[in-house]
Amino acid sequence: MKNFLKNTIGRFCPFYAIIPLIGSFVLETTVYEGSKLFIQGRYHYDFTTEFDRSVPVISWFSLIYFGCYLFWVVNFILLTRVNKEHFYQTLFAVYLSYVICAIIFIALPTTNIRPEVKGNSIGDVVLRLIYLSDTPENLFPSIHCSVSWFCYIGVRGKKEIPKAYQVFSLVFAILVIISTQVTKQHYFIDAIGGIALAEICYWFSKYRGLYKPFQRFFEKVNHRLRMDRI
C-alpha cells in the first residue's frame, strides 16, 4: 500500500505537503466566506474610480478568472520541487496573507456595482455564474490577485523550475489580474493591494524567518499522522 501511494499520489505531491495545502484551502475559504458573517448590515465602501469605470467588460476573461484555480494547484505543488524549506516559506506567506485579509475584510467592508451581462457567449454565461456564486464583497485586497502573484513568486528565479514556466507563471498571473478588472470582480486598488500583500508577506516569511515555527508545526502534525513515513 505504501509503495502504491508513493507511485500514485506521491509522484505529483509529496505527502508532507498535503495537509499544509489542504489547510491553505480551508483557511482561504473560511476567511473569504466567514468574514462576510461579521459585515452583514454594515456600510460597505466602494473604491471605484473613473479609471475603473473606463475599463470595458471583456466577458471571455471570466474563463481565466475561473480557470486560475488549476494554476494555483499546479504552482503550489511545484513549490515542493524546489525544496521543503521554500515550500514552507511560501506557504506561510500565503497563510499570513489570509489572516491579514480577514482583518481588512472585517475592518473595511468593500463592495462594487457589477454590470448586467446580457450576452449568450461562453464567456457571458461563465461571468453570470461567477456573479451568482460570489457576492460583491471582500474586494480589497484581492485574494485572486494575491494568490496568483504568490504562484509567480514561488517559482521566480528558481533553477529547479524551467525558465519557460517561470515566464508562463508571470504572464498568467498578469492575465488573472487583468481578468479581475475586465470582469468587474475587482477594481484597480484591489489588484495593487493583492500584489503588494503577497510581496510583503513573502518578504517577512523568507527574510525574517517567520515560517520556521509554521514548518515545525506541520512537521509535528505529519509525524503524528505518519505522513512522513509514506
C-alpha atoms as a PDB file:
ATOM      1  CA  MET A   1       0.000   0.000   0.000  1.00  0.00           C
ATOM      2  CA  LYS A   2       2.813   2.379   0.892  1.00  0.00           C
ATOM      3  CA  ASN A   3       4.501   1.782  -2.452  1.00  0.00           C
ATOM      4  CA  PHE A   4       1.193   2.247  -4.260  1.00  0.00           C
ATOM      5  CA  LEU A   5       0.664   5.648  -2.631  1.00  0.00           C
ATOM      6  CA  LYS A   6       4.226   6.692  -3.426  1.00  0.00           C
ATOM      7  CA  ASN A   7       3.823   5.684  -7.062  1.00  0.00           C
ATOM      8  CA  THR A   8       0.479   7.452  -7.486  1.00  0.00           C
ATOM      9  CA  ILE A   9      -0.171  10.482  -5.287  1.00  0.00           C
ATOM     10  CA  GLY A  10       3.468  10.763  -4.263  1.00  0.00           C
ATOM     11  CA  ARG A  11       4.573  11.213  -7.857  1.00  0.00           C
ATOM     12  CA  PHE A  12       2.723  14.503  -8.045  1.00  0.00           C
ATOM     13  CA  CYS A  13       2.741  15.842  -4.495  1.00  0.00           C
ATOM     14  CA  PRO A  14       4.991  14.851  -1.560  1.00  0.00           C
ATOM     15  CA  PHE A  15       2.958  13.631   1.386  1.00  0.00           C
ATOM     16  CA  TYR A  16       4.448  16.227   3.743  1.00  0.00           C
ATOM     17  CA  ALA A  17       2.785  18.939   1.629  1.00  0.00           C
ATOM     18  CA  ILE A  18      -0.745  17.520   1.522  1.00  0.00           C
ATOM     19  CA  ILE A  19      -2.028  18.677   4.921  1.00  0.00           C
ATOM     20  CA  PRO A  20      -0.499  22.187   4.723  1.00  0.00           C
ATOM     21  CA  LEU A  21      -2.041  22.595   1.258  1.00  0.00           C
ATOM     22  CA  ILE A  22      -5.453  21.403   2.416  1.00  0.00           C
ATOM     23  CA  GLY A  23      -5.141  23.773   5.369  1.00  0.00           C
ATOM     24  CA  SER A  24      -4.449  26.631   2.975  1.00  0.00           C
ATOM     25  CA  PHE A  25      -7.652  25.917   1.052  1.00  0.00           C
ATOM     26  CA  VAL A  26      -9.682  25.635   4.261  1.00  0.00           C
ATOM     27  CA  LEU A  27      -8.259  28.881   5.666  1.00  0.00           C
ATOM     28  CA  GLU A  28      -8.871  30.786   2.426  1.00  0.00           C
ATOM     29  CA  THR A  29     -12.473  29.605   2.250  1.00  0.00           C
ATOM     30  CA  THR A  30     -13.056  30.358   5.934  1.00  0.00           C
ATOM     31  CA  VAL A  31     -11.599  33.848   5.640  1.00  0.00           C
ATOM     32  CA  TYR A  32     -13.433  34.767   2.450  1.00  0.00           C
ATOM     33  CA  GLU A  33     -16.841  33.345   3.344  1.00  0.00           C
ATOM     34  CA  GLY A  34     -16.671  33.534   7.141  1.00  0.00           C
ATOM     35  CA  SER A  35     -15.741  37.205   7.276  1.00  0.00           C
ATOM     36  CA  LYS A  36     -18.998  38.014   5.480  1.00  0.00           C
ATOM     37  CA  LEU A  37     -20.862  36.998   8.630  1.00  0.00           C
ATOM     38  CA  PHE A  38     -19.185  39.839  10.524  1.00  0.00           C
ATOM     39  CA  ILE A  39     -20.005  42.542   7.989  1.00  0.00           C
ATOM     40  CA  GLN A  40     -23.665  41.845   7.372  1.00  0.00           C
ATOM     41  CA  GLY A  41     -25.680  45.043   7.590  1.00  0.00           C
ATOM     42  CA  ARG A  42     -22.588  47.252   7.844  1.00  0.00           C
ATOM     43  CA  TYR A  43     -21.693  50.048   5.455  1.00  0.00           C
ATOM     44  CA  HIS A  44     -19.586  48.798   2.528  1.00  0.00           C
ATOM     45  CA  TYR A  45     -17.095  51.148   0.872  1.00  0.00           C
ATOM     46  CA  ASP A  46     -16.924  51.403  -2.905  1.00  0.00           C
ATOM     47  CA  PHE A  47     -13.458  52.378  -4.149  1.00  0.00           C
ATOM     48  CA  THR A  48     -14.488  52.634  -7.798  1.00  0.00           C
ATOM     49  CA  THR A  49     -12.598  55.359  -9.684  1.00  0.00           C
ATOM     50  CA  GLU A  50     -13.097  56.997 -13.060  1.00  0.00           C
ATOM     51  CA  PHE A  51     -10.313  54.775 -14.377  1.00  0.00           C
ATOM     52  CA  ASP A  52     -12.219  51.688 -13.223  1.00  0.00           C
ATOM     53  CA  ARG A  53     -15.377  52.919 -14.930  1.00  0.00           C
ATOM     54  CA  SER A  54     -13.455  53.368 -18.176  1.00  0.00           C
ATOM     55  CA  VAL A  55     -12.277  49.742 -18.222  1.00  0.00           C
ATOM     56  CA  PRO A  56     -14.545  47.727 -20.541  1.00  0.00           C
ATOM     57  CA  VAL A  57     -16.177  44.425 -19.674  1.00  0.00           C
ATOM     58  CA  ILE A  58     -14.483  41.575 -21.566  1.00  0.00           C
ATOM     59  CA  SER A  59     -16.518  38.554 -20.581  1.00  0.00           C
ATOM     60  CA  TRP A  60     -14.271  35.853 -22.049  1.00  0.00           C
ATOM     61  CA  PHE A  61     -11.689  36.759 -19.393  1.00  0.00           C
ATOM     62  CA  SER A  62     -14.083  35.049 -16.983  1.00  0.00           C
ATOM     63  CA  LEU A  63     -12.583  31.773 -18.251  1.00  0.00           C
ATOM     64  CA  ILE A  64      -9.170  32.902 -16.985  1.00  0.00           C
ATOM     65  CA  TYR A  65     -10.668  34.213 -13.750  1.00  0.00           C
ATOM     66  CA  PHE A  66     -12.341  30.873 -13.112  1.00  0.00           C
ATOM     67  CA  GLY A  67      -9.581  28.703 -14.573  1.00  0.00           C
ATOM     68  CA  CYS A  68      -6.858  30.152 -12.382  1.00  0.00           C
ATOM     69  CA  TYR A  69      -7.712  27.621  -9.668  1.00  0.00           C
ATOM     70  CA  LEU A  70      -5.905  24.952 -11.686  1.00  0.00           C
ATOM     71  CA  PHE A  71      -2.940  27.323 -11.996  1.00  0.00           C
ATOM     72  CA  TRP A  72      -2.892  27.665  -8.214  1.00  0.00           C
ATOM     73  CA  VAL A  73      -2.914  23.897  -7.645  1.00  0.00           C
ATOM     74  CA  VAL A  74      -0.106  23.236 -10.128  1.00  0.00           C
ATOM     75  CA  ASN A  75       2.164  26.011  -8.870  1.00  0.00           C
ATOM     76  CA  PHE A  76       1.665  25.224  -5.203  1.00  0.00           C
ATOM     77  CA  ILE A  77       2.716  21.648  -5.905  1.00  0.00           C
ATOM     78  CA  LEU A  78       5.699  22.935  -7.893  1.00  0.00           C
ATOM     79  CA  LEU A  79       6.926  24.655  -4.724  1.00  0.00           C
ATOM     80  CA  THR A  80       7.823  21.206  -3.437  1.00  0.00           C
ATOM     81  CA  ARG A  81      10.052  20.642  -6.477  1.00  0.00           C
ATOM     82  CA  VAL A  82      12.374  23.387  -5.218  1.00  0.00           C
ATOM     83  CA  ASN A  83      12.834  22.171  -1.638  1.00  0.00           C
ATOM     84  CA  LYS A  84      10.888  21.703   1.571  1.00  0.00           C
ATOM     85  CA  GLU A  85      12.135  24.963   3.095  1.00  0.00           C
ATOM     86  CA  HIS A  86      10.986  27.004   0.113  1.00  0.00           C
ATOM     87  CA  PHE A  87       7.606  25.286   0.207  1.00  0.00           C
ATOM     88  CA  TYR A  88       7.062  26.287   3.831  1.00  0.00           C
ATOM     89  CA  GLN A  89       8.442  29.794   3.289  1.00  0.00           C
ATOM     90  CA  THR A  90       5.975  30.471   0.516  1.00  0.00           C
ATOM     91  CA  LEU A  91       3.016  28.706   2.070  1.00  0.00           C
ATOM     92  CA  PHE A  92       3.429  30.512   5.388  1.00  0.00           C
ATOM     93  CA  ALA A  93       3.345  33.788   3.464  1.00  0.00           C
ATOM     94  CA  VAL A  94       0.072  32.653   1.900  1.00  0.00           C
ATOM     95  CA  TYR A  95      -1.386  31.772   5.316  1.00  0.00           C
ATOM     96  CA  LEU A  96      -0.225  35.126   6.684  1.00  0.00           C
ATOM     97  CA  SER A  97      -1.872  36.965   3.795  1.00  0.00           C
ATOM     98  CA  TYR A  98      -5.190  35.242   4.538  1.00  0.00           C
ATOM     99  CA  VAL A  99      -5.060  36.349   8.176  1.00  0.00           C
ATOM    100  CA  ILE A 100      -4.323  39.928   7.107  1.00  0.00           C
ATOM    101  CA  CYS A 101      -7.157  39.760   4.570  1.00  0.00           C
ATOM    102  CA  ALA A 102      -9.572  38.639   7.304  1.00  0.00           C
ATOM    103  CA  ILE A 103      -8.662  41.659   9.407  1.00  0.00           C
ATOM    104  CA  ILE A 104      -9.051  44.069   6.486  1.00  0.00           C
ATOM    105  CA  PHE A 105     -12.292  42.481   5.254  1.00  0.00           C
ATOM    106  CA  ILE A 106     -13.880  42.919   8.688  1.00  0.00           C
ATOM    107  CA  ALA A 107     -12.408  46.348   9.443  1.00  0.00           C
ATOM    108  CA  LEU A 108     -13.061  47.783   5.976  1.00  0.00           C
ATOM    109  CA  PRO A 109     -16.015  46.141   4.182  1.00  0.00           C
ATOM    110  CA  THR A 110     -15.944  46.797   0.438  1.00  0.00           C
ATOM    111  CA  THR A 111     -18.297  46.356  -2.480  1.00  0.00           C
ATOM    112  CA  ASN A 112     -18.857  47.428  -6.071  1.00  0.00           C
ATOM    113  CA  ILE A 113     -21.645  47.652  -8.621  1.00  0.00           C
ATOM    114  CA  ARG A 114     -21.479  44.992 -11.288  1.00  0.00           C
ATOM    115  CA  PRO A 115     -22.757  45.490 -14.816  1.00  0.00           C
ATOM    116  CA  GLU A 116     -25.636  43.493 -16.254  1.00  0.00           C
ATOM    117  CA  VAL A 117     -24.373  40.720 -18.558  1.00  0.00           C
ATOM    118  CA  LYS A 118     -26.868  40.042 -21.343  1.00  0.00           C
ATOM    119  CA  GLY A 119     -24.913  38.046 -23.937  1.00  0.00           C
ATOM    120  CA  ASN A 120     -25.037  34.307 -24.536  1.00  0.00           C
ATOM    121  CA  SER A 121     -21.410  33.546 -25.333  1.00  0.00           C
ATOM    122  CA  ILE A 122     -19.484  31.073 -23.176  1.00  0.00           C
ATOM    123  CA  GLY A 123     -17.724  33.995 -21.512  1.00  0.00           C
ATOM    124  CA  ASP A 124     -21.043  35.704 -20.755  1.00  0.00           C
ATOM    125  CA  VAL A 125     -22.515  32.524 -19.278  1.00  0.00           C
ATOM    126  CA  VAL A 126     -19.465  31.889 -17.083  1.00  0.00           C
ATOM    127  CA  LEU A 127     -19.406  35.508 -15.929  1.00  0.00           C
ATOM    128  CA  ARG A 128     -23.066  35.349 -14.916  1.00  0.00           C
ATOM    129  CA  LEU A 129     -22.328  32.157 -12.963  1.00  0.00           C
ATOM    130  CA  ILE A 130     -19.453  33.915 -11.180  1.00  0.00           C
ATOM    131  CA  TYR A 131     -21.732  36.809 -10.268  1.00  0.00           C
ATOM    132  CA  LEU A 132     -24.402  34.423  -8.962  1.00  0.00           C
ATOM    133  CA  SER A 133     -21.980  32.385  -6.852  1.00  0.00           C
ATOM    134  CA  ASP A 134     -19.857  35.244  -5.499  1.00  0.00           C
ATOM    135  CA  THR A 135     -21.340  38.273  -3.771  1.00  0.00           C
ATOM    136  CA  PRO A 136     -19.613  41.644  -4.400  1.00  0.00           C
ATOM    137  CA  GLU A 137     -17.884  41.796  -1.022  1.00  0.00           C
ATOM    138  CA  ASN A 138     -14.366  41.349   0.382  1.00  0.00           C
ATOM    139  CA  LEU A 139     -12.813  43.050  -2.610  1.00  0.00           C
ATOM    140  CA  PHE A 140      -9.784  44.762  -1.045  1.00  0.00           C
ATOM    141  CA  PRO A 141      -7.239  43.319  -1.214  1.00  0.00           C
ATOM    142  CA  SER A 142      -7.972  40.854  -3.991  1.00  0.00           C
ATOM    143  CA  ILE A 143      -7.244  37.271  -2.943  1.00  0.00           C
ATOM    144  CA  HIS A 144      -7.420  36.273  -6.604  1.00  0.00           C
ATOM    145  CA  CYS A 145      -4.557  38.656  -7.343  1.00  0.00           C
ATOM    146  CA  SER A 146      -2.504  37.861  -4.245  1.00  0.00           C
ATOM    147  CA  VAL A 147      -2.627  34.073  -4.667  1.00  0.00           C
ATOM    148  CA  SER A 148      -1.889  34.298  -8.401  1.00  0.00           C
ATOM    149  CA  TRP A 149       1.080  36.525  -7.610  1.00  0.00           C
ATOM    150  CA  PHE A 150       2.229  34.030  -4.977  1.00  0.00           C
ATOM    151  CA  CYS A 151       2.193  31.411  -7.737  1.00  0.00           C
ATOM    152  CA  TYR A 152       4.706  33.536  -9.630  1.00  0.00           C
ATOM    153  CA  ILE A 153       6.769  34.416  -6.541  1.00  0.00           C
ATOM    154  CA  GLY A 154       7.058  30.724  -5.711  1.00  0.00           C
ATOM    155  CA  VAL A 155       8.783  29.844  -8.989  1.00  0.00           C
ATOM    156  CA  ARG A 156      10.548  33.157  -9.609  1.00  0.00           C
ATOM    157  CA  GLY A 157      14.295  32.749 -10.067  1.00  0.00           C
ATOM    158  CA  LYS A 158      14.268  29.073  -9.054  1.00  0.00           C
ATOM    159  CA  LYS A 159      16.708  26.966 -11.071  1.00  0.00           C
ATOM    160  CA  GLU A 160      14.628  23.865 -10.356  1.00  0.00           C
ATOM    161  CA  ILE A 161      11.762  25.358 -12.394  1.00  0.00           C
ATOM    162  CA  PRO A 162      12.238  25.744 -16.172  1.00  0.00           C
ATOM    163  CA  LYS A 163      12.687  29.343 -17.294  1.00  0.00           C
ATOM    164  CA  ALA A 164       9.846  28.949 -19.765  1.00  0.00           C
ATOM    165  CA  TYR A 165       7.457  28.011 -16.982  1.00  0.00           C
ATOM    166  CA  GLN A 166       8.632  30.912 -14.842  1.00  0.00           C
ATOM    167  CA  VAL A 167       7.755  33.246 -17.716  1.00  0.00           C
ATOM    168  CA  PHE A 168       4.429  31.481 -18.200  1.00  0.00           C
ATOM    169  CA  SER A 169       3.635  31.921 -14.496  1.00  0.00           C
ATOM    170  CA  LEU A 170       4.341  35.652 -14.700  1.00  0.00           C
ATOM    171  CA  VAL A 171       2.232  36.051 -17.834  1.00  0.00           C
ATOM    172  CA  PHE A 172      -0.655  34.004 -16.462  1.00  0.00           C
ATOM    173  CA  ALA A 173      -0.588  35.838 -13.123  1.00  0.00           C
ATOM    174  CA  ILE A 174      -0.823  39.128 -15.027  1.00  0.00           C
ATOM    175  CA  LEU A 175      -3.717  37.752 -17.089  1.00  0.00           C
ATOM    176  CA  VAL A 176      -5.535  36.762 -13.900  1.00  0.00           C
ATOM    177  CA  ILE A 177      -5.020  40.276 -12.549  1.00  0.00           C
ATOM    178  CA  ILE A 178      -6.391  41.738 -15.788  1.00  0.00           C
ATOM    179  CA  SER A 179      -9.329  39.330 -15.566  1.00  0.00           C
ATOM    180  CA  THR A 180     -10.283  40.732 -12.163  1.00  0.00           C
ATOM    181  CA  GLN A 181     -10.557  44.157 -13.783  1.00  0.00           C
ATOM    182  CA  VAL A 182     -12.405  43.399 -17.025  1.00  0.00           C
ATOM    183  CA  THR A 183     -14.893  41.061 -15.338  1.00  0.00           C
ATOM    184  CA  LYS A 184     -15.594  43.837 -12.816  1.00  0.00           C
ATOM    185  CA  GLN A 185     -14.950  41.449  -9.945  1.00  0.00           C
ATOM    186  CA  HIS A 186     -12.355  43.861  -8.587  1.00  0.00           C
ATOM    187  CA  TYR A 187     -11.029  47.317  -9.233  1.00  0.00           C
ATOM    188  CA  PHE A 188      -7.548  48.726  -9.614  1.00  0.00           C
ATOM    189  CA  ILE A 189      -6.824  49.342  -5.934  1.00  0.00           C
ATOM    190  CA  ASP A 190      -7.869  45.755  -5.117  1.00  0.00           C
ATOM    191  CA  ALA A 191      -5.319  44.355  -7.573  1.00  0.00           C
ATOM    192  CA  ILE A 192      -2.492  46.594  -6.361  1.00  0.00           C
ATOM    193  CA  GLY A 193      -3.336  45.696  -2.775  1.00  0.00           C
ATOM    194  CA  GLY A 194      -3.260  41.980  -3.588  1.00  0.00           C
ATOM    195  CA  ILE A 195       0.148  42.129  -5.282  1.00  0.00           C
ATOM    196  CA  ALA A 196       1.646  44.292  -2.524  1.00  0.00           C
ATOM    197  CA  LEU A 197       0.276  41.971   0.155  1.00  0.00           C
ATOM    198  CA  ALA A 198       1.874  38.939  -1.497  1.00  0.00           C
ATOM    199  CA  GLU A 199       5.287  40.582  -1.809  1.00  0.00           C
ATOM    200  CA  ILE A 200       5.252  41.921   1.769  1.00  0.00           C
ATOM    201  CA  CYS A 201       4.147  38.627   3.317  1.00  0.00           C
ATOM    202  CA  TYR A 202       6.761  36.679   1.341  1.00  0.00           C
ATOM    203  CA  TRP A 203       9.482  39.095   2.437  1.00  0.00           C
ATOM    204  CA  PHE A 204       8.562  38.710   6.088  1.00  0.00           C
ATOM    205  CA  SER A 205       8.338  34.946   5.773  1.00  0.00           C
ATOM    206  CA  LYS A 206      11.644  34.436   3.991  1.00  0.00           C
ATOM    207  CA  TYR A 207      13.896  37.185   5.261  1.00  0.00           C
ATOM    208  CA  ARG A 208      12.608  37.348   8.825  1.00  0.00           C
ATOM    209  CA  GLY A 209      12.346  33.593   9.235  1.00  0.00           C
ATOM    210  CA  LEU A 210       8.720  33.738  10.354  1.00  0.00           C
ATOM    211  CA  TYR A 211       7.987  30.485   8.535  1.00  0.00           C
ATOM    212  CA  LYS A 212      10.118  28.320  10.857  1.00  0.00           C
ATOM    213  CA  PRO A 213       7.539  27.781  13.660  1.00  0.00           C
ATOM    214  CA  PHE A 214       4.963  27.170  10.912  1.00  0.00           C
ATOM    215  CA  GLN A 215       7.186  24.481   9.401  1.00  0.00           C
ATOM    216  CA  ARG A 216       7.836  22.839  12.762  1.00  0.00           C
ATOM    217  CA  PHE A 217       4.099  22.763  13.497  1.00  0.00           C
ATOM    218  CA  PHE A 218       3.225  20.932  10.293  1.00  0.00           C
ATOM    219  CA  GLU A 219       6.181  18.592  10.641  1.00  0.00           C
ATOM    220  CA  LYS A 220       4.774  17.581  14.046  1.00  0.00           C
ATOM    221  CA  VAL A 221       1.305  17.137  12.526  1.00  0.00           C
ATOM    222  CA  ASN A 222       2.731  14.998   9.720  1.00  0.00           C
ATOM    223  CA  HIS A 223       4.660  12.924  12.225  1.00  0.00           C
ATOM    224  CA  ARG A 224       1.557  12.358  14.347  1.00  0.00           C
ATOM    225  CA  LEU A 225      -0.405  11.290  11.281  1.00  0.00           C
ATOM    226  CA  ARG A 226       2.530   9.219   9.970  1.00  0.00           C
ATOM    227  CA  MET A 227       2.552  11.258   6.744  1.00  0.00           C
ATOM    228  CA  ASP A 228       6.327  11.430   6.975  1.00  0.00           C
ATOM    229  CA  ARG A 229       6.548   7.636   6.787  1.00  0.00           C
ATOM    230  CA  ILE A 230       4.845   7.258   3.432  1.00  0.00           C
END
